Amino acid sequence: MTDEQQQYIRMTETPVPKLIASLAAPAVFSMLITSVYNMTDTYFVSKLGNSAAAAVGVVFALMSLIQSIGFTVGMGASTYISRFLGRQEPEKAEEYASSAIACAALLGTLMMIFGLIFITPLMRALGSTETALPYARDYARYILIGSPVMCLVFVLNNILRAEGLANLSMIGVISGGIFNMILDPILIFVFDMGITGAAVATLVSQVLSLVVLAFIFFSGKSIIKVSVRRVSRDIRIYSDIITNGFPTLCRQGLATVATALLSLTAKVYGDAAIAAMTIAMKIYMLVRSLVVGIGQGFQPMAGYNYGAGRYSRVKKGFWFTVGTGTVICVAAAVFLFFFGEFTISLFREDDQTVIKAGADTLKYFCYVMPMLAYSTIVNQLLQSLGRSRSAAFLASCRQGVFYIPIILVFSGAFGLTGIEISQSAADLLTFIASVPFQIHFFVSASGIGRKEALSDRKTDSAAESVKI
C-alpha cells in the first residue's frame, strides 16, 4: 500500500474526534508559538518606551499584509491539494503545490522591492506618529527584506497541513518561533540593538523555519513532491489558487486596514493609546490563534472527506471543532475579564494610562469571545470546500464590512471608548452573519449526501441481483 493510500484511509476512516485532535494539536501548537513570539516582540520592545511599543503596532499591520500574500497563496492551493488527494489524484496536487511555491516567491519579492522604496510613506499610511516613525522604519526594513521568506514559509506550512502532515508543519514553525524568542532579548538588550534587534530576530527565525520546511520536502518526508518541472504555465491554475485564497486575502488584507485604522484613530490620544491597543490586540489574537489552529486541523479533514463524498463526517467534524473552540474561548474570556489589568501590566507596569485603556479593551473582547469559534470555523469550512464567494464575504465582515464603518463612527461619537469597543461590535455582527451561511451549507450538503446514499443503495441492490 502506498503512502498516498495509507493517508487516504487515515483521513476518511479514523474516528472524527481522534482525527481532528491529531491534526489540530500540531496546528494549535504552531499558532500558539507564533502568537507567543509575536507577543515576545511586543513585551521586550515595550520596555523601550511607548513610542517603540506603538511602532510594533504599526509594523504589525505590515506583517499582516505580508501574511495576507502568503496565506492567500497557501490556503488557495491547500484546499485544492487536500481535495485532489481525497480523490486520489496526487499528480494534480503536486502541480498546484509547485505552482503555489513559485507564485509566493514572486509576490513576496515584489512586496519587498516596493515596500523598501516607499518605506516612509508606507509607515505613515499605516498609522505611525512622528515620534514612533524612526522605530517603525527600523523595524519594517528587516521585515520587508524577509517578506519572500515569510511568504514561502506560509505556503510550505499550508501544503504540509493539506496533506494531513500537521506534525511536520509544526516542526518548521516552532523551530523558528522558539529561536526568535531566545534571540529577541539577546539582540535588543545584550547587543543593545534596540527595536532593530527585534526585527533581525524575526528575520533570522523566518529563515530558519524556511530551511527546516524545505528540508522536509526535499528529504522525501512529504507525500507531495515539489519541483520546478511541476510549476504550471497554465494561468487557470494560478487563477484557481488566487480565487480560492481570496477569502484569506480579504481576511488578512482587511486585518492590515483594520490595524492601520486602529493606529490612525488612536494616535489622536498619543503613543500610549496605540501601545495599549497593540498589547490588548496581541492578547486577543493569542486566543483567536488557538481557535484558528483548531480549525486548521479540521480543514484538511473536511477537504479529504468532502472530496471522497463522506459528507456526514464533514458535519460531525464541524460541530466537534466548534464545540472545542468555544470551550477554549469561554475559559479565556473568564480569565481575561478578571485578570485583564494584571495581564496588560506585564507589558507596561509603570504606565497606568496604557494599563487602563488596554484592560478596558480586553474586557469588551471578553463579552464576544465565546462567539468567536463558531464564526471562525464557519469561514474555514466554506473556504476549505471551495465556497470562495461566501467565505470571502464572511472573511471581510470581521475587519472590513463591519469593523471599518464601526470604528470610524464610534471613534467620532465615543472617543477612545468607541475605539476600544469597535472590534467587539464587529465580532458580534460577524457571528450573526455566519449563521445563515452555515445552515445553508449543511442543508445543501445533506441533499447531496442523500443522493449519494440512494445511489449507493441502488448499486448494492444491483450487485445483489447479479449474485442471485
Protein backbone atom coordinates (compact mmCIF):
# COMPACT_ATOMS: atom_id res chain seq x y z
CA MET A 1 0.00 0.00 0.00
CA THR A 2 1.42 3.41 -1.00
CA ASP A 3 1.83 6.38 1.35
CA GLU A 4 -1.00 8.17 -0.51
CA GLN A 5 -3.38 5.23 0.03
CA GLN A 6 -2.47 4.92 3.71
CA GLN A 7 -3.06 8.61 4.23
CA TYR A 8 -6.39 8.43 2.38
CA ILE A 9 -7.59 5.63 4.67
CA ARG A 10 -6.43 7.55 7.73
CA MET A 11 -8.23 10.73 6.69
CA THR A 12 -11.51 9.05 5.72
CA GLU A 13 -11.77 6.20 8.24
CA THR A 14 -10.25 7.42 11.54
CA PRO A 15 -12.92 8.45 14.11
CA VAL A 16 -13.61 12.16 13.65
CA PRO A 17 -12.65 13.45 17.14
CA LYS A 18 -9.43 11.44 17.14
CA LEU A 19 -8.51 12.57 13.61
CA ILE A 20 -9.18 16.26 14.22
CA ALA A 21 -7.36 16.16 17.54
CA SER A 22 -4.30 14.63 15.88
CA LEU A 23 -4.35 17.22 13.08
CA ALA A 24 -5.25 20.18 15.28
CA ALA A 25 -2.75 19.62 18.10
CA PRO A 26 0.33 20.47 15.97
CA ALA A 27 -1.54 23.34 14.28
CA VAL A 28 -2.63 24.79 17.62
CA PHE A 29 0.89 24.45 18.99
CA SER A 30 2.29 26.15 15.89
CA MET A 31 -0.21 29.01 16.13
CA LEU A 32 0.47 29.30 19.85
CA ILE A 33 4.23 29.54 19.31
CA THR A 34 3.70 32.13 16.55
CA SER A 35 1.45 34.23 18.78
CA VAL A 36 3.77 33.91 21.75
CA TYR A 37 6.81 35.06 19.79
CA ASN A 38 4.76 37.97 18.41
CA MET A 39 3.87 38.85 22.00
CA THR A 40 7.52 38.37 23.00
CA ASP A 41 8.47 41.06 20.47
CA THR A 42 5.82 43.33 21.95
CA TYR A 43 6.91 42.55 25.52
CA PHE A 44 10.60 43.29 25.04
CA VAL A 45 10.10 46.26 22.71
CA SER A 46 7.58 47.76 25.19
CA LYS A 47 10.47 48.06 27.65
CA LEU A 48 11.99 50.63 25.25
CA GLY A 49 9.04 53.03 25.73
CA ASN A 50 5.59 53.84 24.38
CA SER A 51 6.89 55.08 21.00
CA ALA A 52 8.66 51.77 20.40
CA ALA A 53 5.58 49.81 21.51
CA ALA A 54 3.43 51.92 19.17
CA ALA A 55 5.84 51.13 16.32
CA VAL A 56 5.25 47.41 16.89
CA GLY A 57 1.53 48.02 16.32
CA VAL A 58 2.24 49.88 13.09
CA VAL A 59 4.62 47.23 11.74
CA PHE A 60 2.13 44.53 12.79
CA ALA A 61 -0.12 45.94 10.06
CA LEU A 62 2.73 45.49 7.57
CA MET A 63 3.29 41.91 8.74
CA SER A 64 -0.44 41.27 8.29
CA LEU A 65 -0.11 42.49 4.71
CA ILE A 66 2.81 40.13 4.02
CA GLN A 67 0.94 37.30 5.72
CA SER A 68 -2.09 38.01 3.54
CA ILE A 69 0.03 37.25 0.45
CA GLY A 70 1.49 34.05 1.87
CA PHE A 71 -1.77 32.80 3.34
CA THR A 72 -3.75 33.66 0.19
CA VAL A 73 -1.49 31.52 -1.97
CA GLY A 74 -1.02 28.83 0.69
CA MET A 75 -4.69 28.44 1.60
CA GLY A 76 -5.79 28.81 -2.01
CA ALA A 77 -3.57 25.91 -3.05
CA SER A 78 -4.00 23.75 0.06
CA THR A 79 -7.76 23.34 -0.30
CA TYR A 80 -7.25 22.02 -3.85
CA ILE A 81 -4.40 19.79 -2.67
CA SER A 82 -6.47 18.12 0.06
CA ARG A 83 -9.41 17.60 -2.31
CA PHE A 84 -7.19 16.15 -5.05
CA LEU A 85 -5.60 13.80 -2.53
CA GLY A 86 -9.10 12.85 -1.37
CA ARG A 87 -9.91 11.96 -5.00
CA GLN A 88 -6.59 10.10 -5.21
CA GLU A 89 -5.10 12.41 -7.85
CA PRO A 90 -1.61 13.14 -6.43
CA GLU A 91 -0.18 14.49 -9.72
CA LYS A 92 -2.66 17.37 -9.77
CA ALA A 93 -1.97 18.06 -6.11
CA GLU A 94 1.78 18.30 -6.85
CA GLU A 95 1.19 20.66 -9.77
CA TYR A 96 -0.81 23.04 -7.56
CA ALA A 97 1.77 22.84 -4.76
CA SER A 98 4.77 23.60 -7.00
CA SER A 99 2.94 26.44 -8.74
CA ALA A 100 1.93 27.96 -5.38
CA ILE A 101 5.55 27.99 -4.20
CA ALA A 102 6.69 29.83 -7.35
CA CYS A 103 3.81 32.30 -7.04
CA ALA A 104 4.58 33.05 -3.38
CA ALA A 105 8.27 33.67 -4.10
CA LEU A 106 7.43 36.15 -6.86
CA LEU A 107 4.78 38.06 -4.90
CA GLY A 108 6.96 38.21 -1.78
CA THR A 109 9.86 39.64 -3.79
CA LEU A 110 7.64 42.32 -5.33
CA MET A 111 6.38 43.23 -1.86
CA MET A 112 9.96 43.59 -0.63
CA ILE A 113 11.03 45.85 -3.52
CA PHE A 114 8.08 48.24 -3.40
CA GLY A 115 7.98 48.30 0.39
CA LEU A 116 11.64 49.28 0.74
CA ILE A 117 11.30 52.01 -1.90
CA PHE A 118 8.27 53.59 -0.20
CA ILE A 119 9.00 52.66 3.42
CA THR A 120 8.46 56.12 4.98
CA PRO A 121 5.10 56.94 3.36
CA LEU A 122 4.05 53.34 3.98
CA MET A 123 4.70 53.67 7.74
CA ARG A 124 2.75 56.93 7.87
CA ALA A 125 -0.13 55.38 5.94
CA LEU A 126 -0.23 52.51 8.45
CA GLY A 127 -0.75 54.96 11.30
CA SER A 128 2.69 55.84 12.64
CA THR A 129 3.06 59.03 14.65
CA GLU A 130 6.12 61.19 14.01
CA THR A 131 7.63 60.12 17.34
CA ALA A 132 7.17 56.43 16.51
CA LEU A 133 8.28 56.76 12.86
CA PRO A 134 12.05 56.16 13.39
CA TYR A 135 11.29 52.98 15.36
CA ALA A 136 8.72 51.83 12.78
CA ARG A 137 11.15 52.34 9.87
CA ASP A 138 13.95 50.42 11.60
CA TYR A 139 11.64 47.52 12.38
CA ALA A 140 9.88 47.45 9.00
CA ARG A 141 13.08 47.46 6.94
CA TYR A 142 14.08 43.97 8.06
CA ILE A 143 10.52 42.67 7.92
CA LEU A 144 10.32 43.75 4.27
CA ILE A 145 13.66 42.11 3.47
CA GLY A 146 12.22 38.89 4.84
CA SER A 147 8.88 39.09 3.00
CA PRO A 148 9.78 36.48 0.29
CA VAL A 149 10.94 34.11 3.04
CA MET A 150 7.77 34.67 5.11
CA CYS A 151 5.53 34.03 2.09
CA LEU A 152 7.32 30.76 1.31
CA VAL A 153 7.07 29.62 4.94
CA PHE A 154 3.30 30.16 4.93
CA VAL A 155 2.87 28.24 1.66
CA LEU A 156 5.04 25.25 2.61
CA ASN A 157 3.34 25.06 6.00
CA ASN A 158 -0.12 25.02 4.38
CA ILE A 159 0.89 22.33 1.88
CA LEU A 160 2.02 20.01 4.68
CA ARG A 161 -1.21 20.58 6.59
CA ALA A 162 -3.24 19.91 3.44
CA GLU A 163 -1.58 16.50 3.24
CA GLY A 164 -2.55 15.83 6.84
CA LEU A 165 1.10 16.05 7.96
CA ALA A 166 0.47 18.60 10.68
CA ASN A 167 3.29 17.26 12.85
CA LEU A 168 5.87 18.07 10.20
CA SER A 169 4.44 21.54 9.55
CA MET A 170 4.62 22.19 13.30
CA ILE A 171 8.36 21.43 13.36
CA GLY A 172 9.07 24.13 10.80
CA VAL A 173 7.02 26.78 12.59
CA ILE A 174 8.12 26.15 16.17
CA SER A 175 11.82 25.89 15.31
CA GLY A 176 11.80 29.46 14.07
CA GLY A 177 9.44 30.69 16.78
CA ILE A 178 11.47 29.35 19.68
CA PHE A 179 14.68 30.68 18.15
CA ASN A 180 13.05 34.10 17.81
CA MET A 181 12.07 34.17 21.50
CA ILE A 182 15.64 33.30 22.51
CA LEU A 183 17.22 35.82 20.13
CA ASP A 184 14.93 38.76 20.99
CA PRO A 185 16.33 39.76 24.41
CA ILE A 186 19.91 38.97 23.33
CA LEU A 187 19.83 41.32 20.33
CA ILE A 188 17.65 44.01 21.93
CA PHE A 189 19.44 44.32 25.27
CA VAL A 190 22.73 42.39 25.31
CA PHE A 191 23.89 43.73 21.92
CA ASP A 192 21.99 46.99 22.51
CA MET A 193 20.35 46.90 19.06
CA GLY A 194 17.01 48.19 20.35
CA ILE A 195 14.00 47.68 18.11
CA THR A 196 16.31 46.73 15.22
CA GLY A 197 17.30 43.67 17.26
CA ALA A 198 13.66 42.54 17.42
CA ALA A 199 13.37 42.90 13.64
CA VAL A 200 16.61 40.98 12.98
CA ALA A 201 15.47 38.21 15.35
CA THR A 202 12.21 37.88 13.41
CA LEU A 203 14.04 37.76 10.06
CA VAL A 204 16.56 35.13 11.20
CA SER A 205 13.81 32.97 12.73
CA GLN A 206 11.83 33.03 9.48
CA VAL A 207 14.91 31.95 7.51
CA LEU A 208 15.39 29.06 9.93
CA SER A 209 11.75 27.98 9.52
CA LEU A 210 12.14 28.04 5.73
CA VAL A 211 15.28 25.89 5.87
CA VAL A 212 13.56 23.31 8.10
CA LEU A 213 10.42 23.17 5.93
CA ALA A 214 12.45 22.92 2.71
CA PHE A 215 14.43 20.03 4.20
CA ILE A 216 11.17 18.19 4.97
CA PHE A 217 10.12 18.43 1.33
CA PHE A 218 13.43 17.64 -0.31
CA SER A 219 14.28 14.78 2.05
CA GLY A 220 11.21 12.87 0.87
CA LYS A 221 9.24 13.09 4.13
CA SER A 222 6.35 14.84 2.35
CA ILE A 223 3.75 13.00 0.25
CA ILE A 224 3.73 15.91 -2.19
CA LYS A 225 6.82 16.10 -4.41
CA VAL A 226 7.54 19.67 -5.48
CA SER A 227 9.92 20.69 -8.24
CA VAL A 228 10.50 23.39 -10.86
CA ARG A 229 9.32 20.96 -13.56
CA ARG A 230 5.90 20.76 -11.93
CA VAL A 231 5.39 24.56 -11.94
CA SER A 232 2.45 25.11 -14.28
CA ARG A 233 2.30 27.52 -17.19
CA ASP A 234 -1.47 27.33 -17.20
CA ILE A 235 -2.87 30.65 -15.99
CA ARG A 236 -6.05 28.88 -14.86
CA ILE A 237 -4.20 27.14 -12.05
CA TYR A 238 -2.98 30.46 -10.65
CA SER A 239 -6.47 31.84 -11.07
CA ASP A 240 -7.82 28.86 -9.11
CA ILE A 241 -5.29 29.41 -6.33
CA ILE A 242 -5.90 33.16 -6.00
CA THR A 243 -9.69 32.81 -6.33
CA ASN A 244 -9.86 30.10 -3.69
CA GLY A 245 -7.45 32.01 -1.48
CA PHE A 246 -9.40 35.25 -1.90
CA PRO A 247 -11.26 34.82 1.43
CA THR A 248 -7.89 34.72 3.16
CA LEU A 249 -6.80 37.82 1.23
CA CYS A 250 -9.96 39.55 2.42
CA ARG A 251 -9.41 38.43 5.99
CA GLN A 252 -5.68 39.17 6.19
CA GLY A 253 -5.73 42.20 3.88
CA LEU A 254 -8.53 43.80 5.83
CA ALA A 255 -6.63 42.97 9.02
CA THR A 256 -3.96 45.32 7.66
CA VAL A 257 -6.54 48.02 7.03
CA ALA A 258 -8.11 47.43 10.44
CA THR A 259 -4.75 47.64 12.25
CA ALA A 260 -3.85 50.81 10.35
CA LEU A 261 -7.25 52.36 11.17
CA LEU A 262 -6.79 51.43 14.81
CA SER A 263 -3.44 53.24 14.89
CA LEU A 264 -4.75 56.22 12.92
CA THR A 265 -7.78 56.75 15.17
CA ALA A 266 -5.86 56.05 18.38
CA LYS A 267 -2.87 58.27 17.60
CA VAL A 268 -5.01 61.32 18.41
CA TYR A 269 -4.64 60.16 22.01
CA GLY A 270 -0.85 59.67 21.72
CA ASP A 271 1.59 56.78 21.60
CA ALA A 272 0.25 55.44 24.92
CA ALA A 273 -3.17 54.77 23.35
CA ILE A 274 -1.63 52.98 20.35
CA ALA A 275 0.56 50.94 22.70
CA ALA A 276 -2.48 49.93 24.79
CA MET A 277 -4.47 48.86 21.72
CA THR A 278 -1.49 46.96 20.33
CA ILE A 279 -0.94 44.99 23.54
CA ALA A 280 -4.66 44.21 24.00
CA MET A 281 -5.00 43.13 20.38
CA LYS A 282 -1.97 40.82 20.63
CA ILE A 283 -3.51 39.11 23.68
CA TYR A 284 -6.86 38.74 21.90
CA MET A 285 -5.08 37.37 18.84
CA LEU A 286 -3.45 34.75 21.05
CA VAL A 287 -6.92 33.39 21.89
CA ARG A 288 -8.08 33.65 18.29
CA SER A 289 -4.96 31.88 17.05
CA LEU A 290 -5.85 28.87 19.20
CA VAL A 291 -9.27 28.73 17.51
CA VAL A 292 -7.73 29.17 14.06
CA GLY A 293 -5.27 26.37 14.86
CA ILE A 294 -8.11 24.00 15.78
CA GLY A 295 -9.86 24.99 12.55
CA GLN A 296 -6.71 24.30 10.59
CA GLY A 297 -6.82 20.76 11.94
CA PHE A 298 -10.41 20.48 10.72
CA GLN A 299 -9.81 21.88 7.21
CA PRO A 300 -7.75 19.04 5.64
CA MET A 301 -10.12 16.51 7.21
CA ALA A 302 -13.06 18.39 5.65
CA GLY A 303 -11.34 18.61 2.25
CA TYR A 304 -10.41 14.93 2.15
CA ASN A 305 -13.86 13.71 3.21
CA TYR A 306 -15.78 16.14 1.03
CA GLY A 307 -13.68 15.04 -1.94
CA ALA A 308 -14.36 11.40 -1.00
CA GLY A 309 -18.12 12.00 -0.63
CA ARG A 310 -18.15 11.46 3.16
CA TYR A 311 -20.44 14.40 3.94
CA SER A 312 -21.65 13.17 7.33
CA ARG A 313 -18.03 13.14 8.57
CA VAL A 314 -17.63 16.77 7.47
CA LYS A 315 -20.69 17.79 9.50
CA LYS A 316 -19.62 15.82 12.56
CA GLY A 317 -16.13 17.32 12.34
CA PHE A 318 -17.55 20.85 12.09
CA TRP A 319 -19.56 20.60 15.30
CA PHE A 320 -16.75 18.88 17.17
CA THR A 321 -14.38 21.69 16.16
CA VAL A 322 -16.84 24.45 17.06
CA GLY A 323 -17.51 22.88 20.46
CA THR A 324 -13.83 22.52 21.28
CA GLY A 325 -13.04 26.07 20.20
CA THR A 326 -15.94 27.51 22.18
CA VAL A 327 -14.80 25.84 25.41
CA ILE A 328 -11.35 27.43 24.97
CA CYS A 329 -12.87 30.86 24.24
CA VAL A 330 -15.14 30.77 27.29
CA ALA A 331 -12.24 29.82 29.55
CA ALA A 332 -10.07 32.62 28.10
CA ALA A 333 -12.89 35.17 28.43
CA VAL A 334 -13.40 34.38 32.11
CA PHE A 335 -9.67 34.66 32.86
CA LEU A 336 -9.13 37.92 30.95
CA PHE A 337 -12.29 39.51 32.35
CA PHE A 338 -11.00 39.20 35.90
CA PHE A 339 -7.26 39.47 35.26
CA GLY A 340 -7.13 41.93 32.33
CA GLU A 341 -5.29 44.69 34.20
CA PHE A 342 -2.72 42.26 35.54
CA THR A 343 -2.13 40.86 32.04
CA ILE A 344 -1.62 44.30 30.49
CA SER A 345 0.64 45.37 33.37
CA LEU A 346 3.09 42.60 32.44
CA PHE A 347 3.92 44.66 29.35
CA ARG A 348 3.82 48.24 30.75
CA GLU A 349 3.78 48.02 34.55
CA ASP A 350 4.80 51.66 35.01
CA ASP A 351 2.15 53.32 32.80
CA GLN A 352 -1.38 53.45 34.22
CA THR A 353 -2.77 55.06 31.05
CA VAL A 354 -1.70 52.07 28.97
CA ILE A 355 -2.90 49.58 31.61
CA LYS A 356 -6.38 51.10 31.92
CA ALA A 357 -7.01 51.51 28.18
CA GLY A 358 -5.68 48.03 27.44
CA ALA A 359 -7.70 46.38 30.23
CA ASP A 360 -10.91 48.13 29.12
CA THR A 361 -10.36 46.89 25.57
CA LEU A 362 -9.79 43.33 26.80
CA LYS A 363 -13.00 43.45 28.83
CA TYR A 364 -15.02 44.35 25.72
CA PHE A 365 -13.35 41.47 23.88
CA CYS A 366 -14.43 39.09 26.64
CA TYR A 367 -18.12 39.79 26.03
CA VAL A 368 -17.97 38.39 22.48
CA MET A 369 -15.14 35.88 22.83
CA PRO A 370 -17.48 32.86 23.33
CA MET A 371 -18.90 33.53 19.83
CA LEU A 372 -15.51 33.68 18.16
CA ALA A 373 -15.07 29.95 17.50
CA TYR A 374 -18.35 29.49 15.61
CA SER A 375 -17.84 32.36 13.15
CA THR A 376 -14.18 31.43 12.58
CA ILE A 377 -14.88 27.74 11.88
CA VAL A 378 -17.81 28.52 9.56
CA ASN A 379 -15.47 30.66 7.48
CA GLN A 380 -12.76 27.98 7.45
CA LEU A 381 -15.31 25.32 6.47
CA LEU A 382 -16.56 27.28 3.47
CA GLN A 383 -13.06 28.11 2.29
CA SER A 384 -11.74 24.56 2.65
CA LEU A 385 -14.54 23.25 0.42
CA GLY A 386 -14.23 25.86 -2.31
CA ARG A 387 -17.18 28.13 -1.39
CA SER A 388 -14.99 31.11 -2.19
CA ARG A 389 -17.60 33.85 -2.51
CA SER A 390 -19.38 33.00 0.74
CA ALA A 391 -16.08 32.57 2.58
CA ALA A 392 -14.76 35.85 1.14
CA PHE A 393 -17.80 37.76 2.37
CA LEU A 394 -17.60 36.32 5.88
CA ALA A 395 -13.84 36.90 5.97
CA SER A 396 -14.47 40.53 5.02
CA CYS A 397 -17.03 41.08 7.76
CA ARG A 398 -14.91 40.94 10.89
CA GLN A 399 -12.30 43.53 9.95
CA GLY A 400 -13.88 45.13 6.92
CA VAL A 401 -17.61 45.22 6.20
CA PHE A 402 -18.50 45.74 9.86
CA TYR A 403 -15.29 46.92 11.52
CA ILE A 404 -14.34 49.82 9.24
CA PRO A 405 -17.63 51.76 9.47
CA ILE A 406 -17.96 50.92 13.17
CA ILE A 407 -14.54 52.28 14.18
CA LEU A 408 -14.98 55.39 12.02
CA VAL A 409 -18.38 56.15 13.58
CA PHE A 410 -17.62 55.03 17.13
CA SER A 411 -14.27 56.85 17.35
CA GLY A 412 -16.00 60.10 16.45
CA ALA A 413 -19.05 59.53 18.65
CA PHE A 414 -17.49 57.96 21.76
CA GLY A 415 -13.80 58.86 21.58
CA LEU A 416 -11.30 56.36 22.97
CA THR A 417 -14.09 54.15 24.34
CA GLY A 418 -15.52 53.89 20.85
CA ILE A 419 -12.16 52.67 19.55
CA GLU A 420 -11.91 50.12 22.37
CA ILE A 421 -15.34 48.64 21.64
CA SER A 422 -15.20 48.60 17.81
CA GLN A 423 -13.64 45.15 17.23
CA SER A 424 -16.01 43.52 19.73
CA ALA A 425 -19.03 45.02 18.00
CA ALA A 426 -17.75 43.81 14.62
CA ASP A 427 -17.19 40.30 16.01
CA LEU A 428 -20.77 40.16 17.31
CA LEU A 429 -22.19 41.12 13.91
CA THR A 430 -19.90 38.61 12.17
CA PHE A 431 -21.25 35.85 14.41
CA ILE A 432 -24.83 36.76 13.47
CA ALA A 433 -23.95 36.90 9.76
CA SER A 434 -22.32 33.44 9.87
CA VAL A 435 -25.48 31.60 10.98
CA PRO A 436 -27.41 31.57 7.67
CA PHE A 437 -24.29 30.58 5.71
CA GLN A 438 -23.70 27.59 7.98
CA ILE A 439 -27.33 26.47 7.81
CA HIS A 440 -27.47 26.79 4.02
CA PHE A 441 -24.25 24.83 3.54
CA PHE A 442 -25.32 21.83 5.58
CA VAL A 443 -28.81 21.78 4.09
CA SER A 444 -27.29 21.63 0.58
CA ALA A 445 -24.63 19.10 1.67
CA SER A 446 -27.33 16.90 3.24
CA GLY A 447 -29.15 16.88 -0.09
CA ILE A 448 -26.02 15.72 -1.88
CA GLY A 449 -25.41 13.11 0.81
CA ARG A 450 -28.92 11.68 0.44
CA LYS A 451 -28.47 11.40 -3.34
CA GLU A 452 -25.13 9.64 -2.83
CA ALA A 453 -26.68 7.23 -0.30
CA LEU A 454 -29.57 6.46 -2.65
CA SER A 455 -27.12 5.83 -5.49
CA ASP A 456 -25.08 3.51 -3.24
CA ARG A 457 -28.20 1.54 -2.26
CA LYS A 458 -29.19 1.13 -5.92
CA THR A 459 -25.68 -0.08 -6.74
CA ASP A 460 -25.76 -2.55 -3.85
CA SER A 461 -29.18 -3.84 -4.92
CA ALA A 462 -28.00 -4.32 -8.50
CA ALA A 463 -24.96 -6.22 -7.23
CA GLU A 464 -27.15 -8.48 -5.11
CA SER A 465 -29.38 -9.18 -8.12
CA VAL A 466 -26.37 -10.21 -10.16
CA LYS A 467 -25.25 -12.57 -7.36
CA ILE A 468 -28.73 -14.19 -7.23
